[in-house]
């Protein structure tokens, strides 16, 4: 792991001050999204902020609890409106990508499993069931392009919200994902990050450690990561790489 020595490491007080300054900005974005897009859950305005806010709260930071509950319920209501389509295997806009992020939002918000989450799990099992993995619904890199990212969200959702009756089918899909993972190389930074998360999710520690080393080897001399080899380091690539390494214990 190589980092530039040109900058001194910030003190913990500086880090905490930066986080405290960021939290209201994240919360303002979530509130504005609901006001302007009252019928539409989005990964960037609900899922990512809820993950960030609940993580901050777990580390002792104060957040707007009422707003957090509102964001989680908004996500649950969004899925409930599409329950009939989920049971028919039709899904919603964004397909498995959106469904996976919505379930992860509920996971971080401690939403209990219910008829709606069971319907979404049913849909994820049916959707692209002939494939070993889930494909993204569009080509919008970096966040919506990687089959590893879409597959991680879908499988994580199934493992957290699948019902007892779905256990056998989930195990079957998980086995297919495992086989696909071991023979499919990561092509870029987003792939490497999500492949690491997937290998940890399915409890393959040796393969996950290897994937972590592959990700670490792509760190730039300036300390950051880039989306593609010919691009400069950027905040998204660096933040997601560090988060994945931290969450998976590497």
Protein backbone atom coordinates (compact mmCIF):
# COMPACT_ATOMS: atom_id res chain seq x y z
CA UNK A 1 0.00 0.00 0.00
CA UNK A 2 1.73 3.18 -1.15
CA UNK A 3 0.65 6.65 -0.15
CA UNK A 4 2.09 10.08 -0.76
CA UNK A 5 3.95 11.54 2.21
CA UNK A 6 3.30 15.11 1.04
CA UNK A 7 0.29 15.47 3.33
CA UNK A 8 0.14 14.83 7.05
CA UNK A 9 -2.55 12.44 8.23
CA UNK A 10 -5.53 14.39 9.63
CA UNK A 11 -6.26 14.27 13.33
CA UNK A 12 -9.33 12.37 14.50
CA UNK A 13 -10.93 15.69 15.45
CA UNK A 14 -10.55 16.90 11.86
CA UNK A 15 -12.09 13.71 10.48
CA UNK A 16 -15.04 13.94 12.86
CA UNK A 17 -15.54 17.62 11.99
CA UNK A 18 -15.66 16.76 8.28
CA UNK A 19 -18.22 14.02 8.89
CA UNK A 20 -20.36 16.28 11.08
CA UNK A 21 -20.34 18.87 8.29
CA UNK A 22 -21.32 16.26 5.68
CA UNK A 23 -24.26 14.69 7.50
CA UNK A 24 -26.68 17.66 7.09
CA UNK A 25 -25.80 17.85 3.39
CA UNK A 26 -26.65 14.18 2.90
CA UNK A 27 -29.89 14.64 4.81
CA UNK A 28 -30.85 17.69 2.75
CA UNK A 29 -30.38 15.64 -0.41
CA UNK A 30 -32.65 12.87 0.82
CA UNK A 31 -35.37 15.32 1.84
CA UNK A 32 -35.21 17.18 -1.46
CA UNK A 33 -35.43 13.94 -3.40
CA UNK A 34 -38.68 12.91 -1.73
CA UNK A 35 -40.16 16.36 -2.28
CA UNK A 36 -39.26 16.45 -5.98
CA UNK A 37 -39.64 12.74 -6.82
CA UNK A 38 -42.41 11.62 -4.54
CA UNK A 39 -42.98 8.30 -6.33
CA UNK A 40 -39.40 7.34 -7.09
CA UNK A 41 -36.84 5.56 -4.92
CA UNK A 42 -33.29 6.18 -6.14
CA UNK A 43 -30.05 4.44 -5.27
CA UNK A 44 -28.15 7.73 -4.95
CA UNK A 45 -30.77 9.68 -2.96
CA UNK A 46 -32.06 6.96 -0.62
CA UNK A 47 -29.79 3.90 -0.61
CA UNK A 48 -26.34 5.47 -0.38
CA UNK A 49 -27.36 8.19 2.11
CA UNK A 50 -29.17 5.70 4.36
CA UNK A 51 -26.11 3.45 4.38
CA UNK A 52 -23.88 6.44 5.19
CA UNK A 53 -26.19 7.83 7.87
CA UNK A 54 -26.74 4.54 9.69
CA UNK A 55 -22.98 3.88 9.57
CA UNK A 56 -22.33 7.34 11.04
CA UNK A 57 -24.92 6.77 13.76
CA UNK A 58 -23.30 3.46 14.69
CA UNK A 59 -20.08 5.38 15.27
CA UNK A 60 -21.63 7.93 17.60
CA UNK A 61 -22.63 10.73 15.23
CA UNK A 62 -25.99 12.43 15.60
CA UNK A 63 -28.38 12.20 12.67
CA UNK A 64 -31.96 13.24 12.00
CA UNK A 65 -33.72 10.08 13.20
CA UNK A 66 -37.13 11.19 11.92
CA UNK A 67 -35.72 11.75 8.45
CA UNK A 68 -33.99 8.38 8.49
CA UNK A 69 -37.27 6.64 9.37
CA UNK A 70 -39.00 8.59 6.60
CA UNK A 71 -36.40 7.52 4.02
CA UNK A 72 -36.65 3.86 5.01
CA UNK A 73 -40.46 3.90 4.98
CA UNK A 74 -40.42 5.70 1.63
CA UNK A 75 -38.29 2.86 0.27
CA UNK A 76 -40.60 0.21 1.72
CA UNK A 77 -43.67 2.00 0.31
CA UNK A 78 -42.01 2.20 -3.12
CA UNK A 79 -41.53 -1.57 -3.12
CA UNK A 80 -45.03 -2.20 -1.79
CA UNK A 81 -46.56 -0.31 -4.71
CA UNK A 82 -44.91 -2.79 -7.07
CA UNK A 83 -45.66 -5.94 -5.07
CA UNK A 84 -48.08 -7.37 -7.63
CA UNK A 85 -45.50 -6.98 -10.39
CA UNK A 86 -42.79 -8.55 -8.25
CA UNK A 87 -44.97 -11.60 -7.72
CA UNK A 88 -45.40 -11.82 -11.49
CA UNK A 89 -41.63 -11.57 -12.01
CA UNK A 90 -41.87 -8.17 -13.71
CA UNK A 91 -39.98 -5.96 -11.31
CA UNK A 92 -39.69 -2.19 -11.75
CA UNK A 93 -37.50 0.35 -13.49
CA UNK A 94 -33.88 -0.49 -12.86
CA UNK A 95 -34.76 -4.18 -12.51
CA UNK A 96 -32.43 -6.20 -10.23
CA UNK A 97 -30.15 -3.19 -9.68
CA UNK A 98 -32.90 -1.09 -8.11
CA UNK A 99 -34.43 -4.02 -6.22
CA UNK A 100 -31.06 -4.92 -4.72
CA UNK A 101 -30.30 -1.38 -3.56
CA UNK A 102 -33.81 -0.96 -2.15
CA UNK A 103 -33.46 -4.13 -0.07
CA UNK A 104 -30.07 -2.97 1.15
CA UNK A 105 -31.66 0.31 2.22
CA UNK A 106 -34.21 -1.65 4.24
CA UNK A 107 -31.43 -3.82 5.67
CA UNK A 108 -29.53 -0.80 6.99
CA UNK A 109 -32.77 0.76 8.19
CA UNK A 110 -33.61 -2.39 10.20
CA UNK A 111 -36.89 -2.88 8.32
CA UNK A 112 -38.41 -6.27 9.19
CA UNK A 113 -39.05 -8.87 6.51
CA UNK A 114 -42.66 -8.80 5.34
CA UNK A 115 -44.88 -9.76 2.40
CA UNK A 116 -43.34 -7.07 0.23
CA UNK A 117 -39.73 -8.12 0.81
CA UNK A 118 -40.78 -11.72 0.16
CA UNK A 119 -42.28 -10.62 -3.16
CA UNK A 120 -39.09 -8.78 -4.12
CA UNK A 121 -37.06 -11.88 -3.23
CA UNK A 122 -39.39 -13.94 -5.43
CA UNK A 123 -38.77 -11.54 -8.29
CA UNK A 124 -34.99 -11.68 -7.88
CA UNK A 125 -35.10 -15.46 -8.01
CA UNK A 126 -37.19 -15.40 -11.18
CA UNK A 127 -35.42 -12.56 -12.98
CA UNK A 128 -32.65 -13.77 -15.31
CA UNK A 129 -33.04 -17.16 -13.67
CA UNK A 130 -31.42 -18.87 -16.65
CA UNK A 131 -28.17 -17.05 -15.88
CA UNK A 132 -25.58 -17.69 -13.15
CA UNK A 133 -25.46 -13.97 -12.29
CA UNK A 134 -27.60 -10.84 -12.61
CA UNK A 135 -26.88 -8.31 -15.36
CA UNK A 136 -27.14 -4.53 -14.89
CA UNK A 137 -30.13 -2.89 -16.59
CA UNK A 138 -28.08 -0.29 -18.46
CA UNK A 139 -24.55 0.79 -19.27
CA UNK A 140 -23.92 3.83 -17.06
CA UNK A 141 -20.48 3.44 -15.52
CA UNK A 142 -19.22 3.38 -12.92
CA UNK A 143 -22.17 2.53 -10.66
CA UNK A 144 -24.49 0.88 -13.21
CA UNK A 145 -22.35 -1.19 -15.50
CA UNK A 146 -20.77 -4.01 -13.51
CA UNK A 147 -22.48 -7.43 -13.35
CA UNK A 148 -20.57 -7.97 -10.09
CA UNK A 149 -22.27 -4.96 -8.50
CA UNK A 150 -25.75 -5.98 -9.64
CA UNK A 151 -25.17 -9.57 -8.54
CA UNK A 152 -23.89 -8.50 -5.13
CA UNK A 153 -27.01 -6.40 -4.50
CA UNK A 154 -29.39 -9.12 -5.65
CA UNK A 155 -27.75 -11.96 -3.72
CA UNK A 156 -27.33 -9.84 -0.59
CA UNK A 157 -31.02 -8.96 -0.76
CA UNK A 158 -31.96 -12.63 -1.10
CA UNK A 159 -29.78 -13.68 1.82
CA UNK A 160 -31.24 -10.99 4.07
CA UNK A 161 -34.90 -11.11 3.04
CA UNK A 162 -35.47 -14.50 1.45
CA UNK A 163 -38.17 -16.62 3.11
CA UNK A 164 -37.87 -20.13 4.47
CA UNK A 165 -39.77 -21.42 1.44
CA UNK A 166 -37.23 -19.76 -0.84
CA UNK A 167 -34.18 -21.21 0.93
CA UNK A 168 -33.56 -24.03 -1.55
CA UNK A 169 -33.87 -21.77 -4.59
CA UNK A 170 -31.60 -19.16 -3.00
CA UNK A 171 -28.97 -21.82 -2.29
CA UNK A 172 -29.15 -22.91 -5.92
CA UNK A 173 -28.67 -19.38 -7.22
CA UNK A 174 -25.84 -18.81 -4.75
CA UNK A 175 -24.05 -21.91 -6.03
CA UNK A 176 -24.33 -20.63 -9.60
CA UNK A 177 -22.97 -17.25 -8.54
CA UNK A 178 -20.02 -18.94 -6.84
CA UNK A 179 -19.13 -20.90 -9.98
CA UNK A 180 -19.43 -17.75 -12.09
CA UNK A 181 -17.25 -15.76 -9.70
CA UNK A 182 -14.38 -18.24 -9.82
CA UNK A 183 -14.18 -18.21 -13.61
CA UNK A 184 -15.00 -14.57 -14.40
CA UNK A 185 -12.19 -11.99 -14.11
CA UNK A 186 -12.80 -8.43 -12.98
CA UNK A 187 -12.21 -5.89 -15.73
CA UNK A 188 -12.12 -2.57 -13.89
CA UNK A 189 -12.20 -0.94 -10.46
CA UNK A 190 -15.96 -1.32 -9.96
CA UNK A 191 -15.72 -5.01 -10.88
CA UNK A 192 -12.85 -5.60 -8.46
CA UNK A 193 -14.67 -3.90 -5.59
CA UNK A 194 -17.91 -5.81 -6.05
CA UNK A 195 -16.18 -9.12 -6.71
CA UNK A 196 -14.41 -8.72 -3.36
CA UNK A 197 -17.73 -8.00 -1.66
CA UNK A 198 -19.38 -10.99 -3.33
CA UNK A 199 -16.64 -13.41 -2.34
CA UNK A 200 -16.96 -12.23 1.25
CA UNK A 201 -20.75 -12.49 1.07
CA UNK A 202 -20.63 -16.14 0.02
CA UNK A 203 -17.94 -16.88 2.64
CA UNK A 204 -14.91 -17.62 0.48
CA UNK A 205 -12.12 -16.12 2.61
CA UNK A 206 -9.14 -17.30 0.56
CA UNK A 207 -10.60 -16.08 -2.71
CA UNK A 208 -11.67 -12.83 -1.04
CA UNK A 209 -8.11 -12.27 0.25
CA UNK A 210 -6.79 -12.75 -3.28
CA UNK A 211 -9.37 -10.33 -4.65
CA UNK A 212 -8.39 -7.79 -2.00
CA UNK A 213 -4.75 -8.03 -3.04
CA UNK A 214 -5.73 -7.48 -6.67
CA UNK A 215 -7.61 -4.35 -5.62
CA UNK A 216 -4.71 -3.11 -3.47
CA UNK A 217 -2.29 -3.59 -6.34
CA UNK A 218 -4.22 -1.07 -8.43
CA UNK A 219 -3.79 1.72 -5.88
CA UNK A 220 -1.99 4.69 -7.44
CA UNK A 221 1.22 6.31 -6.14
CA UNK A 222 -0.90 9.31 -5.10
CA UNK A 223 -2.84 7.02 -2.74
CA UNK A 224 -6.04 6.91 -4.75
CA UNK A 225 -7.80 4.58 -7.15
CA UNK A 226 -9.11 5.28 -10.66
CA UNK A 227 -12.07 3.92 -12.57
CA UNK A 228 -9.92 2.86 -15.52
CA UNK A 229 -6.13 2.52 -16.01
CA UNK A 230 -5.87 5.65 -18.15
CA UNK A 231 -7.94 7.82 -15.80
CA UNK A 232 -6.77 9.86 -12.83
CA UNK A 233 -7.59 8.89 -9.26
CA UNK A 234 -11.01 10.11 -8.16
CA UNK A 235 -13.09 10.27 -4.99
CA UNK A 236 -15.69 7.67 -6.01
CA UNK A 237 -13.15 5.03 -7.02
CA UNK A 238 -11.03 5.66 -3.93
CA UNK A 239 -13.93 5.82 -1.49
CA UNK A 240 -15.58 2.65 -2.73
CA UNK A 241 -12.27 0.76 -2.79
CA UNK A 242 -11.43 1.73 0.79
CA UNK A 243 -14.97 0.96 1.97
CA UNK A 244 -14.92 -2.50 0.39
CA UNK A 245 -11.52 -3.29 1.88
CA UNK A 246 -12.69 -2.12 5.31
CA UNK A 247 -16.06 -3.90 5.25
CA UNK A 248 -14.49 -7.20 4.20
CA UNK A 249 -11.69 -7.02 6.76
CA UNK A 250 -8.86 -6.48 4.29
